[in-house]
Amino acid sequence: MKKLTLILFSIIISTASVLLFIHFSNDHIECETVSNTVKKSNGETVITERHICKEKYNF
């Protein structure tokens, strides 16, 4: 029982560590948001935003 508890605790700590690493290493420094504004013939304005990332690995 003690060994099972230790294994489960290790799995939980490992999973939490991996998730925190992914969260804090994914800082989007190489990313930018590009906005494009288009005015249609009926007077309606449409704004399109694109999120562009140049990261090698994007989680």
PDB file of N, CA and C in Angstrom:
ATOM      1  N   MET A   1       0.826  -1.200   0.000  1.00  0.00           N
ATOM      2  CA  MET A   1       0.000   0.000   0.000  1.00  0.00           C
ATOM      3  C   MET A   1       0.867   1.259   0.000  1.00  0.00           C
ATOM      4  N   LYS A   2       1.954   1.214   0.767  1.00  0.00           N
ATOM      5  CA  LYS A   2       2.839   2.371   0.850  1.00  0.00           C
ATOM      6  C   LYS A   2       3.531   2.616  -0.499  1.00  0.00           C
ATOM      7  N   LYS A   3       3.888   1.513  -1.180  1.00  0.00           N
ATOM      8  CA  LYS A   3       4.542   1.624  -2.476  1.00  0.00           C
ATOM      9  C   LYS A   3       3.587   2.190  -3.522  1.00  0.00           C
ATOM     10  N   LEU A   4       2.326   1.781  -3.498  1.00  0.00           N
ATOM     11  CA  LEU A   4       1.317   2.284  -4.428  1.00  0.00           C
ATOM     12  C   LEU A   4       1.091   3.785  -4.224  1.00  0.00           C
ATOM     13  N   THR A   5       1.050   4.209  -2.980  1.00  0.00           N
ATOM     14  CA  THR A   5       0.874   5.630  -2.671  1.00  0.00           C
ATOM     15  C   THR A   5       2.049   6.442  -3.192  1.00  0.00           C
ATOM     16  N   LEU A   6       3.248   5.933  -3.025  1.00  0.00           N
ATOM     17  CA  LEU A   6       4.441   6.623  -3.506  1.00  0.00           C
ATOM     18  C   LEU A   6       4.440   6.725  -5.027  1.00  0.00           C
ATOM     19  N   ILE A   7       4.026   5.666  -5.713  1.00  0.00           N
ATOM     20  CA  ILE A   7       3.970   5.685  -7.173  1.00  0.00           C
ATOM     21  C   ILE A   7       2.927   6.687  -7.660  1.00  0.00           C
ATOM     22  N   LEU A   8       1.750   6.699  -7.064  1.00  0.00           N
ATOM     23  CA  LEU A   8       0.700   7.654  -7.461  1.00  0.00           C
ATOM     24  C   LEU A   8       1.131   9.093  -7.198  1.00  0.00           C
ATOM     25  N   PHE A   9       1.770   9.323  -6.068  1.00  0.00           N
ATOM     26  CA  PHE A   9       2.249  10.672  -5.733  1.00  0.00           C
ATOM     27  C   PHE A   9       3.309  11.114  -6.745  1.00  0.00           C
ATOM     28  N   SER A  10       4.193  10.210  -7.143  1.00  0.00           N
ATOM     29  CA  SER A  10       5.224  10.527  -8.130  1.00  0.00           C
ATOM     30  C   SER A  10       4.612  10.861  -9.486  1.00  0.00           C
ATOM     31  N   ILE A  11       3.588  10.106  -9.881  1.00  0.00           N
ATOM     32  CA  ILE A  11       2.920  10.378 -11.154  1.00  0.00           C
ATOM     33  C   ILE A  11       2.243  11.747 -11.130  1.00  0.00           C
ATOM     34  N   ILE A  12       1.590  12.084 -10.040  1.00  0.00           N
ATOM     35  CA  ILE A  12       0.909  13.382  -9.925  1.00  0.00           C
ATOM     36  C   ILE A  12       1.916  14.529  -9.957  1.00  0.00           C
ATOM     37  N   ILE A  13       3.016  14.391  -9.240  1.00  0.00           N
ATOM     38  CA  ILE A  13       4.046  15.440  -9.227  1.00  0.00           C
ATOM     39  C   ILE A  13       4.679  15.593 -10.605  1.00  0.00           C
ATOM     40  N   SER A  14       4.949  14.482 -11.276  1.00  0.00           N
ATOM     41  CA  SER A  14       5.540  14.537 -12.622  1.00  0.00           C
ATOM     42  C   SER A  14       4.598  15.210 -13.615  1.00  0.00           C
ATOM     43  N   THR A  15       3.330  14.866 -13.561  1.00  0.00           N
ATOM     44  CA  THR A  15       2.341  15.467 -14.465  1.00  0.00           C
ATOM     45  C   THR A  15       2.215  16.964 -14.221  1.00  0.00           C
ATOM     46  N   ALA A  16       2.155  17.364 -12.956  1.00  0.00           N
ATOM     47  CA  ALA A  16       2.061  18.789 -12.623  1.00  0.00           C
ATOM     48  C   ALA A  16       3.304  19.536 -13.091  1.00  0.00           C
ATOM     49  N   SER A  17       4.473  18.930 -12.942  1.00  0.00           N
ATOM     50  CA  SER A  17       5.712  19.576 -13.377  1.00  0.00           C
ATOM     51  C   SER A  17       5.731  19.779 -14.887  1.00  0.00           C
ATOM     52  N   VAL A  18       5.317  18.772 -15.631  1.00  0.00           N
ATOM     53  CA  VAL A  18       5.297  18.888 -17.090  1.00  0.00           C
ATOM     54  C   VAL A  18       4.305  19.962 -17.531  1.00  0.00           C
ATOM     55  N   LEU A  19       3.129  19.991 -16.939  1.00  0.00           N
ATOM     56  CA  LEU A  19       2.126  21.000 -17.308  1.00  0.00           C
ATOM     57  C   LEU A  19       2.599  22.416 -16.976  1.00  0.00           C
ATOM     58  N   LEU A  20       3.251  22.589 -15.840  1.00  0.00           N
ATOM     59  CA  LEU A  20       3.780  23.916 -15.492  1.00  0.00           C
ATOM     60  C   LEU A  20       4.900  24.323 -16.442  1.00  0.00           C
ATOM     61  N   PHE A  21       5.753  23.392 -16.817  1.00  0.00           N
ATOM     62  CA  PHE A  21       6.816  23.702 -17.775  1.00  0.00           C
ATOM     63  C   PHE A  21       6.236  24.154 -19.110  1.00  0.00           C
ATOM     64  N   ILE A  22       5.240  23.431 -19.607  1.00  0.00           N
ATOM     65  CA  ILE A  22       4.610  23.812 -20.876  1.00  0.00           C
ATOM     66  C   ILE A  22       3.962  25.186 -20.764  1.00  0.00           C
ATOM     67  N   HIS A  23       3.285  25.450 -19.664  1.00  0.00           N
ATOM     68  CA  HIS A  23       2.594  26.730 -19.488  1.00  0.00           C
ATOM     69  C   HIS A  23       3.580  27.904 -19.459  1.00  0.00           C
ATOM     70  N   PHE A  24       4.665  27.774 -18.715  1.00  0.00           N
ATOM     71  CA  PHE A  24       5.586  28.893 -18.565  1.00  0.00           C
ATOM     72  C   PHE A  24       6.595  29.008 -19.701  1.00  0.00           C
ATOM     73  N   SER A  25       6.843  27.953 -20.453  1.00  0.00           N
ATOM     74  CA  SER A  25       7.784  28.047 -21.571  1.00  0.00           C
ATOM     75  C   SER A  25       7.091  28.507 -22.852  1.00  0.00           C
ATOM     76  N   ASN A  26       5.776  28.508 -22.891  1.00  0.00           N
ATOM     77  CA  ASN A  26       5.025  28.932 -24.066  1.00  0.00           C
ATOM     78  C   ASN A  26       4.673  30.410 -23.927  1.00  0.00           C
ATOM     79  N   ASP A  27       5.685  31.281 -24.102  1.00  0.00           N
ATOM     80  CA  ASP A  27       5.523  32.703 -23.827  1.00  0.00           C
ATOM     81  C   ASP A  27       5.108  33.538 -25.036  1.00  0.00           C
ATOM     82  N   HIS A  28       5.063  32.955 -26.212  1.00  0.00           N
ATOM     83  CA  HIS A  28       4.617  33.634 -27.443  1.00  0.00           C
ATOM     84  C   HIS A  28       5.427  34.891 -27.743  1.00  0.00           C
ATOM     85  N   ILE A  29       6.737  34.871 -27.487  1.00  0.00           N
ATOM     86  CA  ILE A  29       7.576  36.028 -27.801  1.00  0.00           C
ATOM     87  C   ILE A  29       7.629  36.261 -29.311  1.00  0.00           C
ATOM     88  N   GLU A  30       7.660  35.193 -30.089  1.00  0.00           N
ATOM     89  CA  GLU A  30       7.782  35.302 -31.537  1.00  0.00           C
ATOM     90  C   GLU A  30       6.435  35.494 -32.233  1.00  0.00           C
ATOM     91  N   CYS A  31       5.378  35.712 -31.482  1.00  0.00           N
ATOM     92  CA  CYS A  31       4.039  35.820 -32.065  1.00  0.00           C
ATOM     93  C   CYS A  31       3.621  37.270 -32.243  1.00  0.00           C
ATOM     94  N   GLU A  32       2.718  37.470 -33.176  1.00  0.00           N
ATOM     95  CA  GLU A  32       2.123  38.790 -33.385  1.00  0.00           C
ATOM     96  C   GLU A  32       0.687  38.622 -33.863  1.00  0.00           C
ATOM     97  N   THR A  33      -0.115  39.658 -33.665  1.00  0.00           N
ATOM     98  CA  THR A  33      -1.494  39.659 -34.118  1.00  0.00           C
ATOM     99  C   THR A  33      -1.633  40.684 -35.229  1.00  0.00           C
ATOM    100  N   VAL A  34      -2.115  40.233 -36.384  1.00  0.00           N
ATOM    101  CA  VAL A  34      -2.271  41.093 -37.552  1.00  0.00           C
ATOM    102  C   VAL A  34      -3.757  41.364 -37.749  1.00  0.00           C
ATOM    103  N   SER A  35      -4.114  42.650 -37.824  1.00  0.00           N
ATOM    104  CA  SER A  35      -5.500  43.041 -38.053  1.00  0.00           C
ATOM    105  C   SER A  35      -5.669  43.531 -39.481  1.00  0.00           C
ATOM    106  N   ASN A  36      -6.772  43.131 -40.097  1.00  0.00           N
ATOM    107  CA  ASN A  36      -7.091  43.558 -41.455  1.00  0.00           C
ATOM    108  C   ASN A  36      -8.512  44.107 -41.446  1.00  0.00           C
ATOM    109  N   THR A  37      -8.661  45.382 -41.807  1.00  0.00           N
ATOM    110  CA  THR A  37      -9.971  46.034 -41.819  1.00  0.00           C
ATOM    111  C   THR A  37     -10.440  46.196 -43.266  1.00  0.00           C
ATOM    112  N   VAL A  38     -11.645  45.689 -43.538  1.00  0.00           N
ATOM    113  CA  VAL A  38     -12.215  45.769 -44.884  1.00  0.00           C
ATOM    114  C   VAL A  38     -13.589  46.418 -44.778  1.00  0.00           C
ATOM    115  N   LYS A  39     -13.837  47.390 -45.657  1.00  0.00           N
ATOM    116  CA  LYS A  39     -15.146  48.035 -45.690  1.00  0.00           C
ATOM    117  C   LYS A  39     -15.907  47.516 -46.900  1.00  0.00           C
ATOM    118  N   LYS A  40     -17.056  46.905 -46.655  1.00  0.00           N
ATOM    119  CA  LYS A  40     -17.857  46.328 -47.737  1.00  0.00           C
ATOM    120  C   LYS A  40     -18.647  47.418 -48.449  1.00  0.00           C
ATOM    121  N   SER A  41     -19.236  47.052 -49.575  1.00  0.00           N
ATOM    122  CA  SER A  41     -19.962  48.034 -50.394  1.00  0.00           C
ATOM    123  C   SER A  41     -21.218  48.555 -49.701  1.00  0.00           C
ATOM    124  N   ASN A  42     -21.787  47.773 -48.750  1.00  0.00           N
ATOM    125  CA  ASN A  42     -22.984  48.242 -48.053  1.00  0.00           C
ATOM    126  C   ASN A  42     -22.647  49.079 -46.818  1.00  0.00           C
ATOM    127  N   GLY A  43     -21.360  49.394 -46.614  1.00  0.00           N
ATOM    128  CA  GLY A  43     -20.947  50.236 -45.508  1.00  0.00           C
ATOM    129  C   GLY A  43     -20.540  49.471 -44.258  1.00  0.00           C
ATOM    130  N   GLU A  44     -20.670  48.185 -44.295  1.00  0.00           N
ATOM    131  CA  GLU A  44     -20.315  47.356 -43.143  1.00  0.00           C
ATOM    132  C   GLU A  44     -18.785  47.214 -43.061  1.00  0.00           C
ATOM    133  N   THR A  45     -18.244  47.379 -41.857  1.00  0.00           N
ATOM    134  CA  THR A  45     -16.809  47.238 -41.635  1.00  0.00           C
ATOM    135  C   THR A  45     -16.532  45.881 -41.000  1.00  0.00           C
ATOM    136  N   VAL A  46     -15.622  45.127 -41.611  1.00  0.00           N
ATOM    137  CA  VAL A  46     -15.262  43.803 -41.113  1.00  0.00           C
ATOM    138  C   VAL A  46     -13.791  43.836 -40.702  1.00  0.00           C
ATOM    139  N   ILE A  47     -13.530  43.450 -39.460  1.00  0.00           N
ATOM    140  CA  ILE A  47     -12.162  43.398 -38.951  1.00  0.00           C
ATOM    141  C   ILE A  47     -11.781  41.932 -38.745  1.00  0.00           C
ATOM    142  N   THR A  48     -10.687  41.532 -39.396  1.00  0.00           N
ATOM    143  CA  THR A  48     -10.201  40.170 -39.283  1.00  0.00           C
ATOM    144  C   THR A  48      -8.858  40.200 -38.554  1.00  0.00           C
ATOM    145  N   GLU A  49      -8.730  39.392 -37.490  1.00  0.00           N
ATOM    146  CA  GLU A  49      -7.477  39.314 -36.753  1.00  0.00           C
ATOM    147  C   GLU A  49      -6.895  37.916 -36.904  1.00  0.00           C
ATOM    148  N   ARG A  50      -5.576  37.849 -37.170  1.00  0.00           N
ATOM    149  CA  ARG A  50      -4.888  36.566 -37.273  1.00  0.00           C
ATOM    150  C   ARG A  50      -3.739  36.555 -36.275  1.00  0.00           C
ATOM    151  N   HIS A  51      -3.581  35.438 -35.611  1.00  0.00           N
ATOM    152  CA  HIS A  51      -2.495  35.241 -34.654  1.00  0.00           C
ATOM    153  C   HIS A  51      -1.419  34.442 -35.362  1.00  0.00           C
ATOM    154  N   ILE A  52      -0.255  35.062 -35.598  1.00  0.00           N
ATOM    155  CA  ILE A  52       0.816  34.427 -36.351  1.00  0.00           C
ATOM    156  C   ILE A  52       1.978  34.133 -35.403  1.00  0.00           C
ATOM    157  N   CYS A  53       2.364  32.857 -35.343  1.00  0.00           N
ATOM    158  CA  CYS A  53       3.488  32.444 -34.498  1.00  0.00           C
ATOM    159  C   CYS A  53       4.600  31.880 -35.366  1.00  0.00           C
ATOM    160  N   LYS A  54       5.828  32.276 -35.048  1.00  0.00           N
ATOM    161  CA  LYS A  54       6.985  31.773 -35.767  1.00  0.00           C
ATOM    162  C   LYS A  54       7.806  30.848 -34.873  1.00  0.00           C
ATOM    163  N   GLU A  55       7.184  30.288 -33.863  1.00  0.00           N
ATOM    164  CA  GLU A  55       7.870  29.394 -32.951  1.00  0.00           C
ATOM    165  C   GLU A  55       8.118  28.046 -33.601  1.00  0.00           C
ATOM    166  N   LYS A  56       9.225  27.430 -33.247  1.00  0.00           N
ATOM    167  CA  LYS A  56       9.522  26.115 -33.785  1.00  0.00           C
ATOM    168  C   LYS A  56       8.558  25.084 -33.198  1.00  0.00           C
ATOM    169  N   TYR A  57       8.308  25.175 -31.908  1.00  0.00           N
ATOM    170  CA  TYR A  57       7.378  24.269 -31.238  1.00  0.00           C
ATOM    171  C   TYR A  57       6.305  25.115 -30.576  1.00  0.00           C
ATOM    172  N   ASN A  58       5.048  24.860 -30.868  1.00  0.00           N
ATOM    173  CA  ASN A  58       3.951  25.627 -30.309  1.00  0.00           C
ATOM    174  C   ASN A  58       3.011  24.658 -29.607  1.00  0.00           C
ATOM    175  N   PHE A  59       2.966  24.740 -28.288  1.00  0.00           N
ATOM    176  CA  PHE A  59       2.123  23.843 -27.494  1.00  0.00           C
ATOM    177  C   PHE A  59       0.717  24.385 -27.414  1.00  0.00           C
TER     178      PHE A  59
END
